[in-house]
Amino acid sequence: MPSPSPARRLALLAGLAPLALGPARAADDLMLPVPTVTVYPGDVIREPMLRLQAYPRTFRARAAVIDAPLAMVGRTARRMLLPGEPVPVNAVDDPRLVSRGAPTQMIFEENGLVITAVGAPLQNGGLGETIRVRNSDTGRIVLGTVMADGRIRIGGL
């Protein structure tokens, strides 16, 4: 099967163009993204793993569900997601850049001064999250912000 054009792929991700659904569907159906395969906890959700599925407007999920594929692509499953089932909002999370207990570089930068140290995060963290980190040398606990490269920025910008 040929790959969709970049414009169509963007429309699909934004939920603007329905994917092939088989039999005809009512125009007022609710289109929800669902996995096409079993997604296990910790798996990163990719575009080919999703399709849009029609549900009647009267459909009531047991929990709030994600209504756009773009809200899922690139995120991590927190629990098992079954094929053809709507995905609850709390079932996906941003990818983890820092893991609890894993040695991580801490960096402090201010007015040209740069200090680096190794710390042990006391919690998991994603991009931009503020987490607690124990300095491995001093044992002191500080707050820091997770950066895109997996380091933790301490103190001022």
N, C-alpha and C. Protein backbone atom coordinates (compact mmCIF):
# COMPACT_ATOMS: atom_id res chain seq x y z
N MET A 1 0.85 -1.17 0.00
CA MET A 1 0.00 0.00 0.00
C MET A 1 0.90 1.23 0.00
N PRO A 2 0.66 2.22 -0.91
CA PRO A 2 1.53 3.39 -0.98
C PRO A 2 1.35 4.27 0.25
N SER A 3 2.45 4.95 0.59
CA SER A 3 2.44 5.85 1.74
C SER A 3 1.66 7.11 1.38
N PRO A 4 0.84 7.65 2.32
CA PRO A 4 0.08 8.86 2.02
C PRO A 4 1.01 10.05 1.87
N SER A 5 0.56 11.04 1.10
CA SER A 5 1.34 12.25 0.89
C SER A 5 1.50 12.98 2.21
N PRO A 6 2.53 13.84 2.32
CA PRO A 6 2.71 14.58 3.57
C PRO A 6 1.48 15.41 3.95
N ALA A 7 0.81 16.02 2.98
CA ALA A 7 -0.38 16.82 3.28
C ALA A 7 -1.50 15.93 3.83
N ARG A 8 -1.70 14.75 3.21
CA ARG A 8 -2.75 13.85 3.69
C ARG A 8 -2.40 13.31 5.08
N ARG A 9 -1.11 12.99 5.29
CA ARG A 9 -0.68 12.48 6.59
C ARG A 9 -0.94 13.53 7.68
N LEU A 10 -0.66 14.80 7.38
CA LEU A 10 -0.93 15.87 8.35
C LEU A 10 -2.43 15.98 8.62
N ALA A 11 -3.24 15.87 7.58
CA ALA A 11 -4.69 15.93 7.76
C ALA A 11 -5.18 14.75 8.59
N LEU A 12 -4.59 13.58 8.37
CA LEU A 12 -4.98 12.40 9.15
C LEU A 12 -4.63 12.58 10.61
N LEU A 13 -3.42 13.10 10.87
CA LEU A 13 -2.99 13.31 12.25
C LEU A 13 -3.86 14.32 12.96
N ALA A 14 -4.28 15.34 12.26
CA ALA A 14 -5.11 16.37 12.87
C ALA A 14 -6.56 15.93 12.98
N GLY A 15 -6.87 14.75 12.44
CA GLY A 15 -8.23 14.25 12.53
C GLY A 15 -9.15 14.90 11.51
N LEU A 16 -8.57 15.48 10.45
CA LEU A 16 -9.38 16.19 9.46
C LEU A 16 -9.83 15.30 8.31
N ALA A 17 -9.14 14.20 8.08
CA ALA A 17 -9.50 13.32 6.97
C ALA A 17 -9.71 11.91 7.51
N PRO A 18 -10.85 11.30 7.24
CA PRO A 18 -11.09 9.95 7.76
C PRO A 18 -10.22 8.93 7.04
N LEU A 19 -9.74 7.95 7.77
CA LEU A 19 -9.03 6.83 7.17
C LEU A 19 -10.06 5.86 6.62
N ALA A 20 -9.61 4.88 5.88
CA ALA A 20 -10.54 3.89 5.33
C ALA A 20 -11.25 3.18 6.47
N LEU A 21 -12.56 3.17 6.43
CA LEU A 21 -13.33 2.60 7.52
C LEU A 21 -14.17 1.41 7.12
N GLY A 22 -14.09 1.02 5.88
CA GLY A 22 -14.89 -0.11 5.45
C GLY A 22 -16.27 0.36 5.01
N PRO A 23 -17.37 -0.21 5.57
CA PRO A 23 -18.71 0.14 5.15
C PRO A 23 -19.01 1.62 5.38
N ALA A 24 -20.03 2.08 4.68
CA ALA A 24 -20.42 3.49 4.79
C ALA A 24 -20.78 3.83 6.22
N ARG A 25 -20.50 5.08 6.62
CA ARG A 25 -20.80 5.51 7.96
C ARG A 25 -21.64 6.77 7.91
N ALA A 26 -22.36 7.04 8.98
CA ALA A 26 -23.19 8.23 9.05
C ALA A 26 -22.30 9.46 9.14
N ALA A 27 -22.74 10.57 8.55
CA ALA A 27 -21.94 11.79 8.51
C ALA A 27 -21.73 12.39 9.90
N ASP A 28 -22.61 12.09 10.82
CA ASP A 28 -22.49 12.69 12.14
C ASP A 28 -21.81 11.76 13.15
N ASP A 29 -21.11 10.73 12.69
CA ASP A 29 -20.39 9.84 13.59
C ASP A 29 -19.21 10.57 14.24
N LEU A 30 -18.85 10.12 15.40
CA LEU A 30 -17.70 10.63 16.14
C LEU A 30 -16.49 9.80 15.73
N MET A 31 -15.44 10.45 15.24
CA MET A 31 -14.24 9.74 14.80
C MET A 31 -13.19 9.81 15.91
N LEU A 32 -12.82 8.64 16.44
CA LEU A 32 -11.83 8.58 17.51
C LEU A 32 -10.64 7.75 17.06
N PRO A 33 -9.43 8.17 17.43
CA PRO A 33 -8.26 7.36 17.10
C PRO A 33 -8.19 6.13 18.01
N VAL A 34 -7.90 4.99 17.42
CA VAL A 34 -7.76 3.75 18.17
C VAL A 34 -6.50 3.04 17.69
N PRO A 35 -5.86 2.26 18.55
CA PRO A 35 -4.69 1.50 18.11
C PRO A 35 -5.08 0.40 17.13
N THR A 36 -4.18 0.08 16.23
CA THR A 36 -4.40 -1.04 15.30
C THR A 36 -3.72 -2.30 15.81
N VAL A 37 -2.82 -2.13 16.78
CA VAL A 37 -2.08 -3.24 17.39
C VAL A 37 -2.11 -3.07 18.91
N THR A 38 -1.76 -4.10 19.63
CA THR A 38 -1.65 -3.97 21.08
C THR A 38 -0.42 -3.11 21.39
N VAL A 39 -0.62 -2.06 22.18
CA VAL A 39 0.46 -1.17 22.58
C VAL A 39 0.73 -1.45 24.06
N TYR A 40 1.97 -1.81 24.37
CA TYR A 40 2.34 -2.18 25.73
C TYR A 40 2.87 -0.98 26.51
N PRO A 41 2.76 -1.02 27.84
CA PRO A 41 3.28 0.09 28.64
C PRO A 41 4.74 0.37 28.32
N GLY A 42 5.05 1.64 28.13
CA GLY A 42 6.42 2.05 27.80
C GLY A 42 6.66 2.19 26.31
N ASP A 43 5.77 1.64 25.47
CA ASP A 43 5.93 1.76 24.02
C ASP A 43 5.62 3.19 23.58
N VAL A 44 6.41 3.68 22.63
CA VAL A 44 6.14 4.98 22.04
C VAL A 44 5.11 4.77 20.93
N ILE A 45 4.08 5.57 20.92
CA ILE A 45 3.00 5.44 19.94
C ILE A 45 3.41 6.14 18.65
N ARG A 46 3.34 5.41 17.55
CA ARG A 46 3.72 5.94 16.23
C ARG A 46 2.49 6.00 15.33
N GLU A 47 2.58 6.82 14.31
CA GLU A 47 1.45 7.04 13.40
C GLU A 47 0.87 5.76 12.80
N PRO A 48 1.69 4.80 12.32
CA PRO A 48 1.11 3.59 11.72
C PRO A 48 0.35 2.71 12.72
N MET A 49 0.52 2.97 14.00
CA MET A 49 -0.16 2.17 15.03
C MET A 49 -1.60 2.63 15.26
N LEU A 50 -2.03 3.69 14.57
CA LEU A 50 -3.35 4.27 14.82
C LEU A 50 -4.21 4.31 13.58
N ARG A 51 -5.51 4.30 13.81
CA ARG A 51 -6.48 4.54 12.75
C ARG A 51 -7.69 5.23 13.38
N LEU A 52 -8.49 5.87 12.56
CA LEU A 52 -9.71 6.50 13.06
C LEU A 52 -10.85 5.50 12.98
N GLN A 53 -11.66 5.46 14.00
CA GLN A 53 -12.81 4.56 14.04
C GLN A 53 -14.06 5.38 14.35
N ALA A 54 -15.14 5.05 13.66
CA ALA A 54 -16.41 5.77 13.84
C ALA A 54 -17.17 5.23 15.04
N TYR A 55 -17.70 6.15 15.82
CA TYR A 55 -18.57 5.84 16.95
C TYR A 55 -19.80 6.73 16.83
N PRO A 56 -20.96 6.25 17.24
CA PRO A 56 -22.15 7.12 17.19
C PRO A 56 -21.96 8.31 18.12
N ARG A 57 -22.59 9.43 17.78
CA ARG A 57 -22.47 10.64 18.61
C ARG A 57 -22.91 10.39 20.05
N THR A 58 -23.74 9.39 20.24
CA THR A 58 -24.24 9.08 21.58
C THR A 58 -23.26 8.23 22.39
N PHE A 59 -22.11 7.87 21.79
CA PHE A 59 -21.10 7.04 22.45
C PHE A 59 -20.61 7.74 23.72
N ARG A 60 -20.63 7.02 24.82
CA ARG A 60 -20.12 7.53 26.10
C ARG A 60 -19.05 6.57 26.59
N ALA A 61 -17.82 7.03 26.62
CA ALA A 61 -16.73 6.20 27.12
C ALA A 61 -16.78 6.19 28.65
N ARG A 62 -16.17 5.18 29.24
CA ARG A 62 -16.11 5.09 30.71
C ARG A 62 -15.25 6.21 31.29
N ALA A 63 -14.31 6.71 30.51
CA ALA A 63 -13.43 7.81 30.94
C ALA A 63 -13.25 8.76 29.76
N ALA A 64 -12.69 9.93 30.02
CA ALA A 64 -12.40 10.87 28.94
C ALA A 64 -11.42 10.22 27.98
N VAL A 65 -11.70 10.30 26.69
CA VAL A 65 -10.84 9.65 25.70
C VAL A 65 -10.20 10.69 24.78
N ILE A 66 -9.09 10.30 24.19
CA ILE A 66 -8.37 11.17 23.26
C ILE A 66 -9.14 11.20 21.95
N ASP A 67 -9.33 12.41 21.40
CA ASP A 67 -10.14 12.54 20.19
C ASP A 67 -9.35 12.95 18.96
N ALA A 68 -8.03 13.07 19.05
CA ALA A 68 -7.21 13.43 17.89
C ALA A 68 -5.93 12.60 17.89
N PRO A 69 -5.59 12.01 16.75
CA PRO A 69 -4.37 11.20 16.67
C PRO A 69 -3.12 11.99 17.05
N LEU A 70 -3.08 13.27 16.71
CA LEU A 70 -1.92 14.10 16.99
C LEU A 70 -1.62 14.16 18.49
N ALA A 71 -2.64 13.99 19.32
CA ALA A 71 -2.46 14.01 20.77
C ALA A 71 -1.80 12.73 21.28
N MET A 72 -1.64 11.72 20.43
CA MET A 72 -1.06 10.45 20.86
C MET A 72 0.30 10.16 20.23
N VAL A 73 0.52 10.60 19.01
CA VAL A 73 1.75 10.27 18.29
C VAL A 73 2.96 10.85 19.03
N GLY A 74 3.95 10.00 19.28
CA GLY A 74 5.17 10.40 19.96
C GLY A 74 5.09 10.31 21.47
N ARG A 75 3.94 9.98 22.01
CA ARG A 75 3.78 9.85 23.46
C ARG A 75 3.97 8.38 23.85
N THR A 76 4.07 8.12 25.14
CA THR A 76 4.33 6.79 25.66
C THR A 76 3.09 6.23 26.33
N ALA A 77 2.82 4.95 26.10
CA ALA A 77 1.68 4.29 26.74
C ALA A 77 2.00 4.05 28.21
N ARG A 78 1.06 4.41 29.08
CA ARG A 78 1.23 4.16 30.52
C ARG A 78 0.69 2.79 30.90
N ARG A 79 -0.20 2.26 30.08
CA ARG A 79 -0.77 0.93 30.31
C ARG A 79 -1.06 0.29 28.96
N MET A 80 -1.50 -0.97 28.97
CA MET A 80 -1.76 -1.67 27.72
C MET A 80 -2.95 -1.05 27.01
N LEU A 81 -2.78 -0.77 25.71
CA LEU A 81 -3.85 -0.23 24.88
C LEU A 81 -4.24 -1.31 23.88
N LEU A 82 -5.52 -1.63 23.84
CA LEU A 82 -5.98 -2.72 22.99
C LEU A 82 -6.44 -2.22 21.63
N PRO A 83 -6.25 -3.03 20.59
CA PRO A 83 -6.68 -2.64 19.24
C PRO A 83 -8.18 -2.37 19.20
N GLY A 84 -8.56 -1.29 18.52
CA GLY A 84 -9.97 -0.97 18.31
C GLY A 84 -10.66 -0.33 19.50
N GLU A 85 -9.94 -0.09 20.60
CA GLU A 85 -10.54 0.52 21.80
C GLU A 85 -10.12 1.98 21.90
N PRO A 86 -11.06 2.90 22.21
CA PRO A 86 -10.68 4.30 22.42
C PRO A 86 -9.65 4.40 23.55
N VAL A 87 -8.77 5.38 23.45
CA VAL A 87 -7.67 5.52 24.42
C VAL A 87 -8.02 6.59 25.45
N PRO A 88 -8.07 6.21 26.73
CA PRO A 88 -8.33 7.21 27.78
C PRO A 88 -7.21 8.25 27.84
N VAL A 89 -7.55 9.46 28.21
CA VAL A 89 -6.58 10.56 28.29
C VAL A 89 -5.44 10.21 29.23
N ASN A 90 -5.74 9.55 30.33
CA ASN A 90 -4.69 9.25 31.31
C ASN A 90 -3.89 7.98 30.97
N ALA A 91 -4.08 7.40 29.79
CA ALA A 91 -3.37 6.18 29.41
C ALA A 91 -2.08 6.46 28.65
N VAL A 92 -1.83 7.73 28.31
CA VAL A 92 -0.60 8.09 27.61
C VAL A 92 0.11 9.20 28.38
N ASP A 93 1.42 9.27 28.19
CA ASP A 93 2.21 10.25 28.90
C ASP A 93 3.33 10.72 27.98
N ASP A 94 3.89 11.88 28.29
CA ASP A 94 5.03 12.36 27.53
C ASP A 94 6.21 11.43 27.77
N PRO A 95 7.09 11.32 26.77
CA PRO A 95 8.23 10.42 26.94
C PRO A 95 9.09 10.85 28.13
N ARG A 96 9.61 9.88 28.84
CA ARG A 96 10.45 10.10 30.01
C ARG A 96 11.88 10.36 29.55
N LEU A 97 12.44 11.50 29.94
CA LEU A 97 13.83 11.80 29.61
C LEU A 97 14.76 11.48 30.77
N VAL A 98 14.21 11.51 31.98
CA VAL A 98 14.98 11.27 33.18
C VAL A 98 14.26 10.21 33.99
N SER A 99 14.98 9.19 34.44
CA SER A 99 14.38 8.12 35.23
C SER A 99 14.86 8.20 36.67
N ARG A 100 13.95 7.91 37.56
CA ARG A 100 14.25 7.94 38.99
C ARG A 100 15.45 7.05 39.31
N GLY A 101 16.41 7.61 40.04
CA GLY A 101 17.58 6.86 40.48
C GLY A 101 18.71 6.73 39.49
N ALA A 102 18.46 7.02 38.20
CA ALA A 102 19.51 6.88 37.18
C ALA A 102 20.43 8.11 37.24
N PRO A 103 21.75 7.91 37.37
CA PRO A 103 22.67 9.05 37.43
C PRO A 103 22.46 9.99 36.24
N THR A 104 22.33 11.27 36.54
CA THR A 104 22.02 12.27 35.52
C THR A 104 22.88 13.51 35.76
N GLN A 105 23.29 14.15 34.69
CA GLN A 105 24.11 15.35 34.83
C GLN A 105 23.22 16.54 35.20
N MET A 106 23.63 17.26 36.24
CA MET A 106 22.97 18.51 36.63
C MET A 106 23.86 19.65 36.14
N ILE A 107 23.23 20.74 35.72
CA ILE A 107 24.00 21.87 35.22
C ILE A 107 23.44 23.17 35.80
N PHE A 108 24.34 24.03 36.24
CA PHE A 108 23.98 25.34 36.75
C PHE A 108 24.72 26.35 35.89
N GLU A 109 24.00 27.29 35.27
CA GLU A 109 24.61 28.32 34.43
C GLU A 109 24.07 29.68 34.85
N GLU A 110 25.01 30.62 35.10
CA GLU A 110 24.59 31.97 35.43
C GLU A 110 25.76 32.92 35.18
N ASN A 111 25.52 33.98 34.41
CA ASN A 111 26.53 35.01 34.13
C ASN A 111 27.86 34.43 33.66
N GLY A 112 27.80 33.45 32.79
CA GLY A 112 29.01 32.86 32.24
C GLY A 112 29.62 31.76 33.09
N LEU A 113 29.15 31.60 34.31
CA LEU A 113 29.64 30.54 35.18
C LEU A 113 28.85 29.26 34.90
N VAL A 114 29.56 28.16 34.69
CA VAL A 114 28.90 26.88 34.43
C VAL A 114 29.45 25.86 35.44
N ILE A 115 28.54 25.26 36.20
CA ILE A 115 28.91 24.23 37.16
C ILE A 115 28.12 22.98 36.82
N THR A 116 28.82 21.84 36.73
CA THR A 116 28.13 20.58 36.46
C THR A 116 28.40 19.61 37.60
N ALA A 117 27.46 18.74 37.83
CA ALA A 117 27.59 17.71 38.87
C ALA A 117 26.71 16.54 38.48
N VAL A 118 26.91 15.44 39.14
CA VAL A 118 26.08 14.26 38.90
C VAL A 118 25.05 14.18 40.02
N GLY A 119 23.82 13.90 39.64
CA GLY A 119 22.76 13.77 40.63
C GLY A 119 21.90 12.56 40.36
N ALA A 120 21.12 12.19 41.35
CA ALA A 120 20.18 11.06 41.21
C ALA A 120 18.77 11.62 41.32
N PRO A 121 18.03 11.62 40.21
CA PRO A 121 16.65 12.12 40.26
C PRO A 121 15.82 11.31 41.25
N LEU A 122 14.97 11.98 41.99
CA LEU A 122 14.10 11.32 42.96
C LEU A 122 12.74 11.00 42.35
N GLN A 123 12.56 11.38 41.08
CA GLN A 123 11.32 11.07 40.37
C GLN A 123 11.61 11.07 38.87
N ASN A 124 10.71 10.47 38.11
CA ASN A 124 10.83 10.48 36.65
C ASN A 124 10.47 11.86 36.15
N GLY A 125 10.98 12.21 34.97
CA GLY A 125 10.67 13.53 34.44
C GLY A 125 10.70 13.59 32.93
N GLY A 126 9.81 14.41 32.38
CA GLY A 126 9.76 14.68 30.96
C GLY A 126 10.23 16.10 30.69
N LEU A 127 10.30 16.47 29.44
CA LEU A 127 10.79 17.77 29.02
C LEU A 127 10.05 18.90 29.73
N GLY A 128 10.83 19.80 30.37
CA GLY A 128 10.26 20.97 31.01
C GLY A 128 9.71 20.75 32.41
N GLU A 129 9.68 19.53 32.87
CA GLU A 129 9.15 19.26 34.22
C GLU A 129 10.17 19.63 35.28
N THR A 130 9.68 20.13 36.40
CA THR A 130 10.53 20.42 37.54
C THR A 130 10.50 19.21 38.47
N ILE A 131 11.70 18.69 38.76
CA ILE A 131 11.79 17.48 39.60
C ILE A 131 12.82 17.70 40.71
N ARG A 132 12.78 16.85 41.70
CA ARG A 132 13.76 16.87 42.79
C ARG A 132 14.93 15.95 42.42
N VAL A 133 16.14 16.43 42.72
CA VAL A 133 17.36 15.68 42.40
C VAL A 133 18.30 15.72 43.60
N ARG A 134 18.88 14.58 43.93
CA ARG A 134 19.86 14.53 45.03
C ARG A 134 21.26 14.63 44.42
N ASN A 135 22.02 15.64 44.87
CA ASN A 135 23.39 15.81 44.44
C ASN A 135 24.19 14.64 44.99
N SER A 136 24.85 13.90 44.12
CA SER A 136 25.58 12.70 44.54
C SER A 136 26.77 13.01 45.44
N ASP A 137 27.38 14.20 45.28
CA ASP A 137 28.55 14.56 46.08
C ASP A 137 28.16 15.04 47.48
N THR A 138 27.14 15.87 47.56
CA THR A 138 26.79 16.51 48.84
C THR A 138 25.60 15.87 49.54
N GLY A 139 24.78 15.13 48.80
CA GLY A 139 23.57 14.55 49.37
C GLY A 139 22.42 15.55 49.47
N ARG A 140 22.66 16.79 49.09
CA ARG A 140 21.64 17.84 49.16
C ARG A 140 20.61 17.64 48.04
N ILE A 141 19.34 17.86 48.37
CA ILE A 141 18.26 17.74 47.40
C ILE A 141 17.93 19.12 46.84
N VAL A 142 17.93 19.22 45.50
CA VAL A 142 17.64 20.49 44.83
C VAL A 142 16.52 20.27 43.81
N LEU A 143 15.92 21.36 43.38
CA LEU A 143 14.92 21.31 42.31
C LEU A 143 15.59 21.68 41.00
N GLY A 144 15.19 21.00 39.93
CA GLY A 144 15.74 21.30 38.62
C GLY A 144 14.72 21.03 37.53
N THR A 145 14.99 21.59 36.36
CA THR A 145 14.11 21.44 35.21
C THR A 145 14.75 20.52 34.19
N VAL A 146 13.99 19.54 33.71
CA VAL A 146 14.49 18.58 32.74
C VAL A 146 14.63 19.26 31.38
N MET A 147 15.81 19.13 30.78
CA MET A 147 16.07 19.71 29.46
C MET A 147 15.96 18.63 28.39
N ALA A 148 15.90 19.05 27.14
CA ALA A 148 15.67 18.13 26.01
C ALA A 148 16.77 17.07 25.89
N ASP A 149 17.98 17.38 26.31
CA ASP A 149 19.08 16.42 26.17
C ASP A 149 19.19 15.47 27.37
N GLY A 150 18.25 15.56 28.33
CA GLY A 150 18.23 14.66 29.47
C GLY A 150 19.00 15.19 30.67
N ARG A 151 19.64 16.36 30.54
CA ARG A 151 20.30 16.97 31.69
C ARG A 151 19.25 17.73 32.51
N ILE A 152 19.64 18.08 33.72
CA ILE A 152 18.73 18.82 34.59
C ILE A 152 19.34 20.17 34.91
N ARG A 153 18.61 21.22 34.57
CA ARG A 153 19.09 22.59 34.80
C ARG A 153 18.68 23.00 36.22
N ILE A 154 19.68 23.46 36.97
CA ILE A 154 19.46 23.90 38.34
C ILE A 154 19.60 25.41 38.38
N GLY A 155 18.76 26.07 39.11
CA GLY A 155 18.89 27.51 39.31
C GLY A 155 18.44 28.34 38.13
N GLY A 156 19.00 29.55 37.99
CA GLY A 156 18.58 30.55 36.99
C GLY A 156 18.84 30.11 35.56
N LEU A 157 18.23 30.86 34.65
CA LEU A 157 18.41 30.59 33.22
C LEU A 157 19.67 31.18 32.76
